[in-house]
Amino acid sequence: MQIYIREDAMVKDIQEKFQTVYPYLKLEFYRKPHRKGEYSSEEEKISPDTLLENIRIRNDSGWLDISYYRTAAAVEHDFSYIFGLSAQVLRKAGTLWLETTSTDSWTLEELNNAGKPPKRRAFQLPERPEDD
């Protein structure tokens, strides 16, 4: 799966395309890059209504591979290396969104599956009562 990154796109355009493919993951963009295993500062987060051309270091348009087998670290690296964008993948955990700092080596599929809510099992009575 690939998404096209255009200069005239807004941050939310990329976020929406990504989340369509991975509903339990989210992309956030920041003014400064983060190091491996490091969290991104909330104050550095870029508004979804920001034009990419206003925050990119490189002004190239092109395709970004977001296939299920790619790791969060690889996707974040490509955003930076190809497009000059500081991106962070986040995973859903209940009602929270967690940065994937300690799970950057997981694939997008693994992260998305980890973000799914647990399936509820229906309570069933045993067929026969247990003996005391």
C-alpha atoms as a PDB file:
ATOM      1  CA  MET A   1       0.000   0.000   0.000  1.00  0.00           C
ATOM      2  CA  GLN A   2       1.302   3.428  -0.856  1.00  0.00           C
ATOM      3  CA  ILE A   3       0.100   6.961  -0.271  1.00  0.00           C
ATOM      4  CA  TYR A   4       1.009   9.959  -2.387  1.00  0.00           C
ATOM      5  CA  ILE A   5       2.535  12.938  -0.590  1.00  0.00           C
ATOM      6  CA  ARG A   6       1.893  16.242  -2.378  1.00  0.00           C
ATOM      7  CA  GLU A   7       3.272  19.674  -1.589  1.00  0.00           C
ATOM      8  CA  ASP A   8      -0.187  21.243  -1.600  1.00  0.00           C
ATOM      9  CA  ALA A   9      -1.662  18.637   0.777  1.00  0.00           C
ATOM     10  CA  MET A  10      -2.544  19.371   4.369  1.00  0.00           C
ATOM     11  CA  VAL A  11      -1.293  17.347   7.314  1.00  0.00           C
ATOM     12  CA  LYS A  12      -4.818  16.013   7.895  1.00  0.00           C
ATOM     13  CA  ASP A  13      -4.929  14.632   4.309  1.00  0.00           C
ATOM     14  CA  ILE A  14      -1.983  12.335   5.080  1.00  0.00           C
ATOM     15  CA  GLN A  15      -3.362  11.464   8.521  1.00  0.00           C
ATOM     16  CA  GLU A  16      -6.766  10.502   7.092  1.00  0.00           C
ATOM     17  CA  LYS A  17      -5.278   8.343   4.312  1.00  0.00           C
ATOM     18  CA  PHE A  18      -3.056   6.540   6.817  1.00  0.00           C
ATOM     19  CA  GLN A  19      -5.882   5.967   9.291  1.00  0.00           C
ATOM     20  CA  THR A  20      -8.157   4.632   6.553  1.00  0.00           C
ATOM     21  CA  VAL A  21      -5.676   1.779   6.084  1.00  0.00           C
ATOM     22  CA  TYR A  22      -4.778   1.423   9.796  1.00  0.00           C
ATOM     23  CA  PRO A  23      -7.794   2.449  11.909  1.00  0.00           C
ATOM     24  CA  TYR A  24      -6.003   1.731  15.222  1.00  0.00           C
ATOM     25  CA  LEU A  25      -2.927   3.774  14.296  1.00  0.00           C
ATOM     26  CA  LYS A  26      -2.443   7.484  13.880  1.00  0.00           C
ATOM     27  CA  LEU A  27       0.231   9.747  12.425  1.00  0.00           C
ATOM     28  CA  GLU A  28       1.316  12.937  14.116  1.00  0.00           C
ATOM     29  CA  PHE A  29       3.766  15.452  12.700  1.00  0.00           C
ATOM     30  CA  TYR A  30       6.191  17.576  14.721  1.00  0.00           C
ATOM     31  CA  ARG A  31       8.404  20.585  14.148  1.00  0.00           C
ATOM     32  CA  LYS A  32      11.511  18.751  15.387  1.00  0.00           C
ATOM     33  CA  PRO A  33      12.527  15.134  14.824  1.00  0.00           C
ATOM     34  CA  HIS A  34      12.742  12.696  17.721  1.00  0.00           C
ATOM     35  CA  ARG A  35      15.540  10.255  18.406  1.00  0.00           C
ATOM     36  CA  LYS A  36      15.027   6.501  18.559  1.00  0.00           C
ATOM     37  CA  GLY A  37      13.148   5.596  21.733  1.00  0.00           C
ATOM     38  CA  GLU A  38      12.427   9.261  22.479  1.00  0.00           C
ATOM     39  CA  TYR A  39       8.992  10.840  22.842  1.00  0.00           C
ATOM     40  CA  SER A  40       7.936  13.848  20.800  1.00  0.00           C
ATOM     41  CA  SER A  41       7.008  17.028  22.628  1.00  0.00           C
ATOM     42  CA  GLU A  42       3.315  17.945  22.637  1.00  0.00           C
ATOM     43  CA  GLU A  43       4.313  21.602  22.127  1.00  0.00           C
ATOM     44  CA  GLU A  44       6.062  20.650  18.873  1.00  0.00           C
ATOM     45  CA  LYS A  45       2.967  18.953  17.380  1.00  0.00           C
ATOM     46  CA  ILE A  46       1.808  20.423  14.086  1.00  0.00           C
ATOM     47  CA  SER A  47      -1.853  21.245  13.519  1.00  0.00           C
ATOM     48  CA  PRO A  48      -3.736  19.015  11.060  1.00  0.00           C
ATOM     49  CA  ASP A  49      -4.760  22.146   9.130  1.00  0.00           C
ATOM     50  CA  THR A  50      -1.146  22.988   8.232  1.00  0.00           C
ATOM     51  CA  LEU A  51      -0.025  22.840   4.592  1.00  0.00           C
ATOM     52  CA  LEU A  52       2.857  20.416   4.057  1.00  0.00           C
ATOM     53  CA  GLU A  53       4.745  22.987   1.998  1.00  0.00           C
ATOM     54  CA  ASN A  54       4.979  25.156   5.140  1.00  0.00           C
ATOM     55  CA  ILE A  55       6.717  22.493   7.238  1.00  0.00           C
ATOM     56  CA  ARG A  56       8.729  20.376   4.809  1.00  0.00           C
ATOM     57  CA  ILE A  57      12.477  20.548   4.493  1.00  0.00           C
ATOM     58  CA  ARG A  58      12.408  18.839   1.094  1.00  0.00           C
ATOM     59  CA  ASN A  59       9.854  19.929  -1.481  1.00  0.00           C
ATOM     60  CA  ASP A  60       9.552  16.625  -3.294  1.00  0.00           C
ATOM     61  CA  SER A  61       6.238  14.981  -4.026  1.00  0.00           C
ATOM     62  CA  GLY A  62       6.101  11.233  -4.245  1.00  0.00           C
ATOM     63  CA  TRP A  63       4.894   7.893  -2.984  1.00  0.00           C
ATOM     64  CA  LEU A  64       5.382   6.554   0.518  1.00  0.00           C
ATOM     65  CA  ASP A  65       5.166   2.826   1.181  1.00  0.00           C
ATOM     66  CA  ILE A  66       2.913   2.084   4.157  1.00  0.00           C
ATOM     67  CA  SER A  67       2.567  -1.660   3.526  1.00  0.00           C
ATOM     68  CA  TYR A  68       1.524  -3.856   6.449  1.00  0.00           C
ATOM     69  CA  TYR A  69       4.980  -5.466   6.752  1.00  0.00           C
ATOM     70  CA  ARG A  70       6.871  -2.173   7.185  1.00  0.00           C
ATOM     71  CA  THR A  71       7.912  -1.112  10.665  1.00  0.00           C
ATOM     72  CA  ALA A  72       6.900   2.137  12.325  1.00  0.00           C
ATOM     73  CA  ALA A  73      10.598   3.107  12.408  1.00  0.00           C
ATOM     74  CA  ALA A  74      10.938   2.565   8.639  1.00  0.00           C
ATOM     75  CA  VAL A  75       7.855   4.661   7.835  1.00  0.00           C
ATOM     76  CA  GLU A  76       8.992   7.452  10.170  1.00  0.00           C
ATOM     77  CA  HIS A  77      12.466   7.334   8.570  1.00  0.00           C
ATOM     78  CA  ASP A  78      11.002   7.607   5.067  1.00  0.00           C
ATOM     79  CA  PHE A  79       8.876  10.599   6.027  1.00  0.00           C
ATOM     80  CA  SER A  80      12.048  12.303   7.224  1.00  0.00           C
ATOM     81  CA  TYR A  81      14.501  11.156   4.546  1.00  0.00           C
ATOM     82  CA  ILE A  82      12.268  11.476   1.482  1.00  0.00           C
ATOM     83  CA  PHE A  83       9.999  14.367   2.430  1.00  0.00           C
ATOM     84  CA  GLY A  84      11.726  16.178   5.283  1.00  0.00           C
ATOM     85  CA  LEU A  85       8.790  15.593   7.657  1.00  0.00           C
ATOM     86  CA  SER A  86       9.104  14.590  11.309  1.00  0.00           C
ATOM     87  CA  ALA A  87       6.419  11.962  11.801  1.00  0.00           C
ATOM     88  CA  GLN A  88       5.493   9.732  14.729  1.00  0.00           C
ATOM     89  CA  VAL A  89       3.257   6.646  14.554  1.00  0.00           C
ATOM     90  CA  LEU A  90       0.846   6.270  17.483  1.00  0.00           C
ATOM     91  CA  ARG A  91      -1.132   3.188  18.520  1.00  0.00           C
ATOM     92  CA  LYS A  92      -4.555   3.136  20.127  1.00  0.00           C
ATOM     93  CA  ALA A  93      -4.689   1.731  23.661  1.00  0.00           C
ATOM     94  CA  GLY A  94      -8.251   1.908  24.946  1.00  0.00           C
ATOM     95  CA  THR A  95      -9.091   5.615  24.822  1.00  0.00           C
ATOM     96  CA  LEU A  96      -5.431   6.732  24.671  1.00  0.00           C
ATOM     97  CA  TRP A  97      -2.993   7.159  21.812  1.00  0.00           C
ATOM     98  CA  LEU A  98       0.520   5.895  22.639  1.00  0.00           C
ATOM     99  CA  GLU A  99       3.664   6.844  20.757  1.00  0.00           C
ATOM    100  CA  THR A 100       5.386   3.748  19.429  1.00  0.00           C
ATOM    101  CA  THR A 101       8.750   4.637  20.932  1.00  0.00           C
ATOM    102  CA  SER A 102       9.340   1.191  22.439  1.00  0.00           C
ATOM    103  CA  THR A 103       7.581  -0.670  19.617  1.00  0.00           C
ATOM    104  CA  ASP A 104       9.079   1.101  16.583  1.00  0.00           C
ATOM    105  CA  SER A 105      10.425  -2.266  15.411  1.00  0.00           C
ATOM    106  CA  TRP A 106       6.897  -3.704  15.128  1.00  0.00           C
ATOM    107  CA  THR A 107       5.218  -3.820  11.746  1.00  0.00           C
ATOM    108  CA  LEU A 108       2.259  -1.585  11.020  1.00  0.00           C
ATOM    109  CA  GLU A 109       0.066  -4.680  10.979  1.00  0.00           C
ATOM    110  CA  GLU A 110       1.292  -5.761  14.435  1.00  0.00           C
ATOM    111  CA  LEU A 111       0.767  -2.283  15.843  1.00  0.00           C
ATOM    112  CA  ASN A 112      -2.694  -1.966  14.310  1.00  0.00           C
ATOM    113  CA  ASN A 113      -3.698  -5.385  15.688  1.00  0.00           C
ATOM    114  CA  ALA A 114      -2.361  -4.432  19.132  1.00  0.00           C
ATOM    115  CA  GLY A 115      -4.578  -1.360  19.051  1.00  0.00           C
ATOM    116  CA  LYS A 116      -7.787  -3.280  18.429  1.00  0.00           C
ATOM    117  CA  PRO A 117     -10.104  -3.510  21.414  1.00  0.00           C
ATOM    118  CA  PRO A 118     -10.190  -6.965  23.012  1.00  0.00           C
ATOM    119  CA  LYS A 119     -13.074  -9.158  21.972  1.00  0.00           C
ATOM    120  CA  ARG A 120     -15.582  -9.685  24.714  1.00  0.00           C
ATOM    121  CA  ARG A 121     -16.437 -13.243  25.475  1.00  0.00           C
ATOM    122  CA  ALA A 122     -20.013 -13.926  26.389  1.00  0.00           C
ATOM    123  CA  PHE A 123     -20.491 -15.510  29.793  1.00  0.00           C
ATOM    124  CA  GLN A 124     -21.725 -19.069  29.485  1.00  0.00           C
ATOM    125  CA  LEU A 125     -23.037 -21.323  32.188  1.00  0.00           C
ATOM    126  CA  PRO A 126     -21.412 -24.729  32.315  1.00  0.00           C
ATOM    127  CA  GLU A 127     -23.500 -27.569  30.965  1.00  0.00           C
ATOM    128  CA  ARG A 128     -23.346 -29.416  34.256  1.00  0.00           C
ATOM    129  CA  PRO A 129     -22.738 -28.115  37.764  1.00  0.00           C
ATOM    130  CA  GLU A 130     -19.332 -28.854  39.214  1.00  0.00           C
ATOM    131  CA  ASP A 131     -19.121 -31.446  41.973  1.00  0.00           C
ATOM    132  CA  ASP A 132     -18.023 -30.200  45.392  1.00  0.00           C
END
